[in-house]
Amino acid sequence: MKQVDELIRGEISAVESINAVMGKIKDQREKTALQQMLQDHVRAVESLKRFAEPEFVGKAETSGPWGAFTKAFAGGSSFFGNKAALAALKIGEQHGCNEYQEAVKDDSINPDVRTLIQTELLPNQQKHLETINQYMH
């Protein structure tokens, strides 16, 4: 289930990116919203790990090169203020939505994973995008 492994890495990347931005956000409402997003992504990692290849689960502690880039980008963007930090997170959340939409279309994906994506993970990603968009205006 290489695809599930990649989805896990994406979720770990989201956790790392939000953590990189969290300390730079001054507005308490934005911080609370980010904490909720962080909790959603942590739960997503745990939910997806149930479907991962056993040899991957032990290695699934980092997001790999993409995660390092997004974490650095999100952390660096926060130097320029909340809006730039949120814009960086928005890119990651949109990428996650795209990944989940592609996974749902894949006929080879485990039906239980498809259901998890459709009922929980993708709706959470979409909710995150809506929240970020609200704070960017």
C-alpha atoms as a PDB file:
ATOM      1  CA  MET A   1       0.000   0.000   0.000  1.00  0.00           C
ATOM      2  CA  LYS A   2       2.548   2.500  -1.149  1.00  0.00           C
ATOM      3  CA  GLN A   3      -0.192   5.070  -1.617  1.00  0.00           C
ATOM      4  CA  VAL A   4      -1.202   4.849   2.057  1.00  0.00           C
ATOM      5  CA  ASP A   5       2.447   5.282   3.008  1.00  0.00           C
ATOM      6  CA  GLU A   6       2.584   8.483   0.947  1.00  0.00           C
ATOM      7  CA  LEU A   7      -0.622   9.768   2.548  1.00  0.00           C
ATOM      8  CA  ILE A   8       0.928   9.180   5.968  1.00  0.00           C
ATOM      9  CA  ARG A   9       4.025  11.144   4.970  1.00  0.00           C
ATOM     10  CA  GLY A  10       1.757  13.975   3.810  1.00  0.00           C
ATOM     11  CA  GLU A  11      -0.037  14.023   7.148  1.00  0.00           C
ATOM     12  CA  ILE A  12       3.253  14.002   9.043  1.00  0.00           C
ATOM     13  CA  SER A  13       4.350  16.903   6.855  1.00  0.00           C
ATOM     14  CA  ALA A  14       1.189  18.792   7.844  1.00  0.00           C
ATOM     15  CA  VAL A  15       1.920  18.176  11.539  1.00  0.00           C
ATOM     16  CA  GLU A  16       5.491  19.441  11.110  1.00  0.00           C
ATOM     17  CA  SER A  17       4.369  22.502   9.147  1.00  0.00           C
ATOM     18  CA  ILE A  18       1.722  23.511  11.666  1.00  0.00           C
ATOM     19  CA  ASN A  19       4.207  23.063  14.501  1.00  0.00           C
ATOM     20  CA  ALA A  20       6.699  25.258  12.610  1.00  0.00           C
ATOM     21  CA  VAL A  21       4.127  28.042  12.322  1.00  0.00           C
ATOM     22  CA  MET A  22       2.387  27.698  15.683  1.00  0.00           C
ATOM     23  CA  GLY A  23       4.890  29.690  17.730  1.00  0.00           C
ATOM     24  CA  LYS A  24       4.837  32.574  15.276  1.00  0.00           C
ATOM     25  CA  ILE A  25       1.062  33.119  15.318  1.00  0.00           C
ATOM     26  CA  LYS A  26       0.041  35.832  17.752  1.00  0.00           C
ATOM     27  CA  ASP A  27      -3.742  35.856  17.318  1.00  0.00           C
ATOM     28  CA  GLN A  28      -5.299  33.468  19.870  1.00  0.00           C
ATOM     29  CA  ARG A  29      -8.253  32.556  17.628  1.00  0.00           C
ATOM     30  CA  GLU A  30      -5.899  31.606  14.803  1.00  0.00           C
ATOM     31  CA  LYS A  31      -3.769  29.636  17.249  1.00  0.00           C
ATOM     32  CA  THR A  32      -6.838  27.729  18.500  1.00  0.00           C
ATOM     33  CA  ALA A  33      -7.857  26.936  14.914  1.00  0.00           C
ATOM     34  CA  LEU A  34      -4.330  25.699  14.164  1.00  0.00           C
ATOM     35  CA  GLN A  35      -4.368  23.499  17.259  1.00  0.00           C
ATOM     36  CA  GLN A  36      -7.589  21.864  16.003  1.00  0.00           C
ATOM     37  CA  MET A  37      -6.015  21.303  12.587  1.00  0.00           C
ATOM     38  CA  LEU A  38      -2.947  19.832  14.264  1.00  0.00           C
ATOM     39  CA  GLN A  39      -5.113  17.392  16.237  1.00  0.00           C
ATOM     40  CA  ASP A  40      -6.934  16.379  13.027  1.00  0.00           C
ATOM     41  CA  HIS A  41      -3.623  15.657  11.281  1.00  0.00           C
ATOM     42  CA  VAL A  42      -2.250  13.671  14.236  1.00  0.00           C
ATOM     43  CA  ARG A  43      -5.435  11.553  14.231  1.00  0.00           C
ATOM     44  CA  ALA A  44      -5.124  11.102  10.466  1.00  0.00           C
ATOM     45  CA  VAL A  45      -1.591   9.731  10.856  1.00  0.00           C
ATOM     46  CA  GLU A  46      -2.782   7.220  13.442  1.00  0.00           C
ATOM     47  CA  SER A  47      -5.831   6.217  11.384  1.00  0.00           C
ATOM     48  CA  LEU A  48      -3.812   5.698   8.210  1.00  0.00           C
ATOM     49  CA  LYS A  49      -1.087   3.722  10.003  1.00  0.00           C
ATOM     50  CA  ARG A  50      -3.633   0.949  10.563  1.00  0.00           C
ATOM     51  CA  PHE A  51      -3.562   0.348   6.792  1.00  0.00           C
ATOM     52  CA  ALA A  52       0.154   0.857   6.116  1.00  0.00           C
ATOM     53  CA  GLU A  53       2.660  -1.805   5.218  1.00  0.00           C
ATOM     54  CA  PRO A  54       4.143  -3.215   8.452  1.00  0.00           C
ATOM     55  CA  GLU A  55       7.711  -2.329   7.439  1.00  0.00           C
ATOM     56  CA  PHE A  56       6.653   1.270   6.743  1.00  0.00           C
ATOM     57  CA  VAL A  57       4.959   1.895  10.090  1.00  0.00           C
ATOM     58  CA  GLY A  58       8.261   1.664  11.955  1.00  0.00           C
ATOM     59  CA  LYS A  59       9.807   4.208   9.568  1.00  0.00           C
ATOM     60  CA  ALA A  60       6.816   6.543   9.458  1.00  0.00           C
ATOM     61  CA  GLU A  61       8.185   9.066  11.880  1.00  0.00           C
ATOM     62  CA  THR A  62       9.331  11.642   9.333  1.00  0.00           C
ATOM     63  CA  SER A  63       7.740  13.209   6.319  1.00  0.00           C
ATOM     64  CA  GLY A  64      10.786  12.849   4.098  1.00  0.00           C
ATOM     65  CA  PRO A  65      12.185  15.524   1.759  1.00  0.00           C
ATOM     66  CA  TRP A  66       8.787  17.092   0.962  1.00  0.00           C
ATOM     67  CA  GLY A  67       8.089  17.531   4.651  1.00  0.00           C
ATOM     68  CA  ALA A  68      11.445  19.171   5.266  1.00  0.00           C
ATOM     69  CA  PHE A  69      10.712  21.640   2.488  1.00  0.00           C
ATOM     70  CA  THR A  70       7.181  22.475   3.650  1.00  0.00           C
ATOM     71  CA  LYS A  71       8.289  22.793   7.273  1.00  0.00           C
ATOM     72  CA  ALA A  72      11.071  25.202   6.295  1.00  0.00           C
ATOM     73  CA  PHE A  73       8.748  27.107   3.970  1.00  0.00           C
ATOM     74  CA  ALA A  74       5.999  27.418   6.575  1.00  0.00           C
ATOM     75  CA  GLY A  75       8.438  28.384   9.326  1.00  0.00           C
ATOM     76  CA  GLY A  76      10.204  30.910   7.113  1.00  0.00           C
ATOM     77  CA  SER A  77       6.950  32.382   5.879  1.00  0.00           C
ATOM     78  CA  SER A  78       5.864  33.049   9.413  1.00  0.00           C
ATOM     79  CA  PHE A  79       8.807  35.444   9.684  1.00  0.00           C
ATOM     80  CA  PHE A  80       6.846  37.702   7.314  1.00  0.00           C
ATOM     81  CA  GLY A  81       3.675  37.576   9.418  1.00  0.00           C
ATOM     82  CA  ASN A  82       0.531  35.599  10.002  1.00  0.00           C
ATOM     83  CA  LYS A  83      -0.821  35.982   6.459  1.00  0.00           C
ATOM     84  CA  ALA A  84       2.309  34.561   4.849  1.00  0.00           C
ATOM     85  CA  ALA A  85       2.406  31.701   7.352  1.00  0.00           C
ATOM     86  CA  LEU A  86      -1.239  30.909   6.679  1.00  0.00           C
ATOM     87  CA  ALA A  87      -0.617  31.068   2.927  1.00  0.00           C
ATOM     88  CA  ALA A  88       2.143  28.492   3.340  1.00  0.00           C
ATOM     89  CA  LEU A  89      -0.185  26.212   5.312  1.00  0.00           C
ATOM     90  CA  LYS A  90      -2.905  26.688   2.706  1.00  0.00           C
ATOM     91  CA  ILE A  91      -0.593  25.306   0.023  1.00  0.00           C
ATOM     92  CA  GLY A  92      -0.030  22.192   2.122  1.00  0.00           C
ATOM     93  CA  GLU A  93      -3.717  21.720   2.897  1.00  0.00           C
ATOM     94  CA  GLN A  94      -4.605  22.073  -0.795  1.00  0.00           C
ATOM     95  CA  HIS A  95      -1.941  19.517  -1.659  1.00  0.00           C
ATOM     96  CA  GLY A  96      -3.478  17.158   0.914  1.00  0.00           C
ATOM     97  CA  CYS A  97      -6.946  17.607  -0.618  1.00  0.00           C
ATOM     98  CA  ASN A  98      -5.536  16.799  -4.049  1.00  0.00           C
ATOM     99  CA  GLU A  99      -3.776  13.693  -2.719  1.00  0.00           C
ATOM    100  CA  TYR A 100      -6.952  12.419  -1.068  1.00  0.00           C
ATOM    101  CA  GLN A 101      -9.049  13.101  -4.170  1.00  0.00           C
ATOM    102  CA  GLU A 102      -6.572  11.119  -6.264  1.00  0.00           C
ATOM    103  CA  ALA A 103      -6.525   8.261  -3.757  1.00  0.00           C
ATOM    104  CA  VAL A 104     -10.329   7.978  -3.817  1.00  0.00           C
ATOM    105  CA  LYS A 105     -10.215   7.581  -7.622  1.00  0.00           C
ATOM    106  CA  ASP A 106      -7.637   4.764  -7.383  1.00  0.00           C
ATOM    107  CA  ASP A 107      -9.380   1.431  -7.912  1.00  0.00           C
ATOM    108  CA  SER A 108      -6.582  -0.438  -6.158  1.00  0.00           C
ATOM    109  CA  ILE A 109      -6.978   1.366  -2.829  1.00  0.00           C
ATOM    110  CA  ASN A 110      -8.354  -0.599   0.109  1.00  0.00           C
ATOM    111  CA  PRO A 111     -12.127   0.072   0.388  1.00  0.00           C
ATOM    112  CA  ASP A 112     -11.754   0.802   4.109  1.00  0.00           C
ATOM    113  CA  VAL A 113      -9.109   3.436   3.353  1.00  0.00           C
ATOM    114  CA  ARG A 114     -11.384   4.938   0.686  1.00  0.00           C
ATOM    115  CA  THR A 115     -14.208   5.179   3.241  1.00  0.00           C
ATOM    116  CA  LEU A 116     -11.881   6.764   5.826  1.00  0.00           C
ATOM    117  CA  ILE A 117     -10.781   9.340   3.264  1.00  0.00           C
ATOM    118  CA  GLN A 118     -14.305  10.127   2.092  1.00  0.00           C
ATOM    119  CA  THR A 119     -15.923  10.343   5.512  1.00  0.00           C
ATOM    120  CA  GLU A 120     -13.185  11.881   7.644  1.00  0.00           C
ATOM    121  CA  LEU A 121      -9.851  12.823   6.098  1.00  0.00           C
ATOM    122  CA  LEU A 122     -10.957  14.720   2.991  1.00  0.00           C
ATOM    123  CA  PRO A 123     -13.763  16.603   4.789  1.00  0.00           C
ATOM    124  CA  ASN A 124     -11.223  17.648   7.453  1.00  0.00           C
ATOM    125  CA  GLN A 125      -8.812  18.901   4.773  1.00  0.00           C
ATOM    126  CA  GLN A 126     -11.609  20.895   3.144  1.00  0.00           C
ATOM    127  CA  LYS A 127     -12.622  22.330   6.524  1.00  0.00           C
ATOM    128  CA  HIS A 128      -8.989  23.322   7.151  1.00  0.00           C
ATOM    129  CA  LEU A 129      -8.876  25.178   3.832  1.00  0.00           C
ATOM    130  CA  GLU A 130     -12.073  27.048   4.675  1.00  0.00           C
ATOM    131  CA  THR A 131     -10.688  28.022   8.085  1.00  0.00           C
ATOM    132  CA  ILE A 132      -7.397  29.241   6.628  1.00  0.00           C
ATOM    133  CA  ASN A 133      -9.250  31.239   3.977  1.00  0.00           C
ATOM    134  CA  GLN A 134     -11.318  32.954   6.693  1.00  0.00           C
ATOM    135  CA  TYR A 135      -8.199  34.073   8.552  1.00  0.00           C
ATOM    136  CA  MET A 136      -6.448  35.260   5.388  1.00  0.00           C
ATOM    137  CA  HIS A 137      -9.094  37.933   4.662  1.00  0.00           C
END
